[in-house]
Amino acid sequence: MIDEAEPQLKPVKLSWNPPEPGEVVRGYKVYILSASGAFQQTIDVGDKTTFETVLPVGDQYFFTVTAYNRAGESGAAPFLPYNPSTPSS
């Protein structure tokens, strides 16, 4: 019998500062990439300046955020690395 364990997950929370007053932002997109290439996701978080998720341990992840408005999407902020460690028992 093969015992397939549930993947271990680790929470992560991102936050960022809104732009300077006067700059119109309709919302933000969070981009998540894994170093292995096995995981890639884009999440539109609307006008929130925080984002929370859980990710499997065992891979390194990279996050970036863009802002968007009627004119289009901004350039991406520098990617931030995150390496979830194995949760403690």
C-alpha atoms as a PDB file:
ATOM      1  CA  MET A   1       0.000   0.000   0.000  1.00  0.00           C
ATOM      2  CA  ILE A   2       1.289   3.449  -0.916  1.00  0.00           C
ATOM      3  CA  ASP A   3       0.733   6.148   1.663  1.00  0.00           C
ATOM      4  CA  GLU A   4       0.505   9.491  -0.110  1.00  0.00           C
ATOM      5  CA  ALA A   5       0.923  12.189   2.509  1.00  0.00           C
ATOM      6  CA  GLU A   6      -0.827  15.521   2.166  1.00  0.00           C
ATOM      7  CA  PRO A   7       1.561  18.238   0.985  1.00  0.00           C
ATOM      8  CA  GLN A   8       2.799  20.454   3.785  1.00  0.00           C
ATOM      9  CA  LEU A   9       1.680  24.043   3.376  1.00  0.00           C
ATOM     10  CA  LYS A  10       3.091  27.279   4.734  1.00  0.00           C
ATOM     11  CA  PRO A  11       1.180  30.589   4.924  1.00  0.00           C
ATOM     12  CA  VAL A  12       2.559  33.722   3.301  1.00  0.00           C
ATOM     13  CA  LYS A  13       1.286  37.297   3.498  1.00  0.00           C
ATOM     14  CA  LEU A  14       2.294  40.140   1.195  1.00  0.00           C
ATOM     15  CA  SER A  15       1.601  43.819   1.607  1.00  0.00           C
ATOM     16  CA  TRP A  16       2.664  46.913  -0.306  1.00  0.00           C
ATOM     17  CA  ASN A  17       2.222  50.657  -0.191  1.00  0.00           C
ATOM     18  CA  PRO A  18      -0.284  52.345  -2.483  1.00  0.00           C
ATOM     19  CA  PRO A  19       1.072  54.893  -4.978  1.00  0.00           C
ATOM     20  CA  GLU A  20       1.455  58.572  -4.250  1.00  0.00           C
ATOM     21  CA  PRO A  21      -1.750  60.627  -3.907  1.00  0.00           C
ATOM     22  CA  GLY A  22      -3.058  61.696  -7.282  1.00  0.00           C
ATOM     23  CA  GLU A  23      -2.075  58.492  -9.065  1.00  0.00           C
ATOM     24  CA  VAL A  24      -5.181  56.587 -10.106  1.00  0.00           C
ATOM     25  CA  VAL A  25      -5.055  52.845  -9.434  1.00  0.00           C
ATOM     26  CA  ARG A  26      -8.002  50.571 -10.135  1.00  0.00           C
ATOM     27  CA  GLY A  27      -6.353  47.458  -8.690  1.00  0.00           C
ATOM     28  CA  TYR A  28      -3.323  45.232  -8.275  1.00  0.00           C
ATOM     29  CA  LYS A  29      -2.167  41.897  -9.643  1.00  0.00           C
ATOM     30  CA  VAL A  30       0.064  39.503  -7.701  1.00  0.00           C
ATOM     31  CA  TYR A  31       2.283  37.192  -9.761  1.00  0.00           C
ATOM     32  CA  ILE A  32       3.636  34.005  -8.146  1.00  0.00           C
ATOM     33  CA  LEU A  33       6.258  31.815  -9.824  1.00  0.00           C
ATOM     34  CA  SER A  34       8.093  28.777  -8.485  1.00  0.00           C
ATOM     35  CA  ALA A  35      11.798  28.220  -9.101  1.00  0.00           C
ATOM     36  CA  SER A  36      11.056  24.732 -10.440  1.00  0.00           C
ATOM     37  CA  GLY A  37       8.579  26.105 -12.963  1.00  0.00           C
ATOM     38  CA  ALA A  38       5.884  23.782 -11.629  1.00  0.00           C
ATOM     39  CA  PHE A  39       3.756  26.609 -10.244  1.00  0.00           C
ATOM     40  CA  GLN A  40       2.672  29.864 -11.827  1.00  0.00           C
ATOM     41  CA  GLN A  41      -0.306  31.997 -10.856  1.00  0.00           C
ATOM     42  CA  THR A  42      -1.650  35.526 -11.364  1.00  0.00           C
ATOM     43  CA  ILE A  43      -4.218  36.846  -8.904  1.00  0.00           C
ATOM     44  CA  ASP A  44      -6.174  40.058  -9.352  1.00  0.00           C
ATOM     45  CA  VAL A  45      -6.649  41.329  -5.776  1.00  0.00           C
ATOM     46  CA  GLY A  46      -8.676  44.395  -6.724  1.00  0.00           C
ATOM     47  CA  ASP A  47      -7.854  47.518  -4.729  1.00  0.00           C
ATOM     48  CA  LYS A  48      -6.483  45.650  -1.680  1.00  0.00           C
ATOM     49  CA  THR A  49      -2.838  46.256  -0.709  1.00  0.00           C
ATOM     50  CA  THR A  50      -2.448  42.869   0.992  1.00  0.00           C
ATOM     51  CA  PHE A  51      -2.562  39.271  -0.198  1.00  0.00           C
ATOM     52  CA  GLU A  52      -2.519  36.005   1.754  1.00  0.00           C
ATOM     53  CA  THR A  53      -2.134  32.431   0.519  1.00  0.00           C
ATOM     54  CA  VAL A  54      -0.582  29.089   1.448  1.00  0.00           C
ATOM     55  CA  LEU A  55       2.139  27.390  -0.590  1.00  0.00           C
ATOM     56  CA  PRO A  56       3.603  23.881  -0.506  1.00  0.00           C
ATOM     57  CA  VAL A  57       7.017  23.560   1.135  1.00  0.00           C
ATOM     58  CA  GLY A  58       9.946  22.240  -0.861  1.00  0.00           C
ATOM     59  CA  ASP A  59      10.212  24.854  -3.616  1.00  0.00           C
ATOM     60  CA  GLN A  60      11.292  28.474  -3.781  1.00  0.00           C
ATOM     61  CA  TYR A  61       8.728  31.034  -4.903  1.00  0.00           C
ATOM     62  CA  PHE A  62       8.999  34.518  -6.347  1.00  0.00           C
ATOM     63  CA  PHE A  63       6.385  37.265  -5.996  1.00  0.00           C
ATOM     64  CA  THR A  64       5.824  40.557  -7.727  1.00  0.00           C
ATOM     65  CA  VAL A  65       2.969  43.061  -7.821  1.00  0.00           C
ATOM     66  CA  THR A  66       1.724  45.353 -10.573  1.00  0.00           C
ATOM     67  CA  ALA A  67      -0.859  48.138 -10.457  1.00  0.00           C
ATOM     68  CA  TYR A  68      -3.408  48.773 -13.168  1.00  0.00           C
ATOM     69  CA  ASN A  69      -5.875  51.439 -14.247  1.00  0.00           C
ATOM     70  CA  ARG A  70      -7.753  52.360 -17.437  1.00  0.00           C
ATOM     71  CA  ALA A  71      -4.469  53.138 -19.195  1.00  0.00           C
ATOM     72  CA  GLY A  72      -3.070  49.632 -18.600  1.00  0.00           C
ATOM     73  CA  GLU A  73      -0.788  47.732 -16.253  1.00  0.00           C
ATOM     74  CA  SER A  74       2.361  49.086 -14.619  1.00  0.00           C
ATOM     75  CA  GLY A  75       5.744  47.487 -14.856  1.00  0.00           C
ATOM     76  CA  ALA A  76       6.399  44.786 -12.282  1.00  0.00           C
ATOM     77  CA  ALA A  77       8.109  45.531  -9.006  1.00  0.00           C
ATOM     78  CA  PRO A  78      11.325  43.533  -8.420  1.00  0.00           C
ATOM     79  CA  PHE A  79      10.605  39.869  -7.696  1.00  0.00           C
ATOM     80  CA  LEU A  80      10.836  38.917  -4.024  1.00  0.00           C
ATOM     81  CA  PRO A  81      11.992  35.378  -3.179  1.00  0.00           C
ATOM     82  CA  TYR A  82      10.257  33.214  -0.576  1.00  0.00           C
ATOM     83  CA  ASN A  83      11.392  29.780   0.504  1.00  0.00           C
ATOM     84  CA  PRO A  84       8.858  28.143   2.847  1.00  0.00           C
ATOM     85  CA  SER A  85      10.574  25.901   5.348  1.00  0.00           C
ATOM     86  CA  THR A  86       9.103  22.664   6.593  1.00  0.00           C
ATOM     87  CA  PRO A  87       6.421  23.433   9.187  1.00  0.00           C
ATOM     88  CA  SER A  88       7.242  22.385  12.718  1.00  0.00           C
ATOM     89  CA  SER A  89       5.278  19.485  14.162  1.00  0.00           C
END
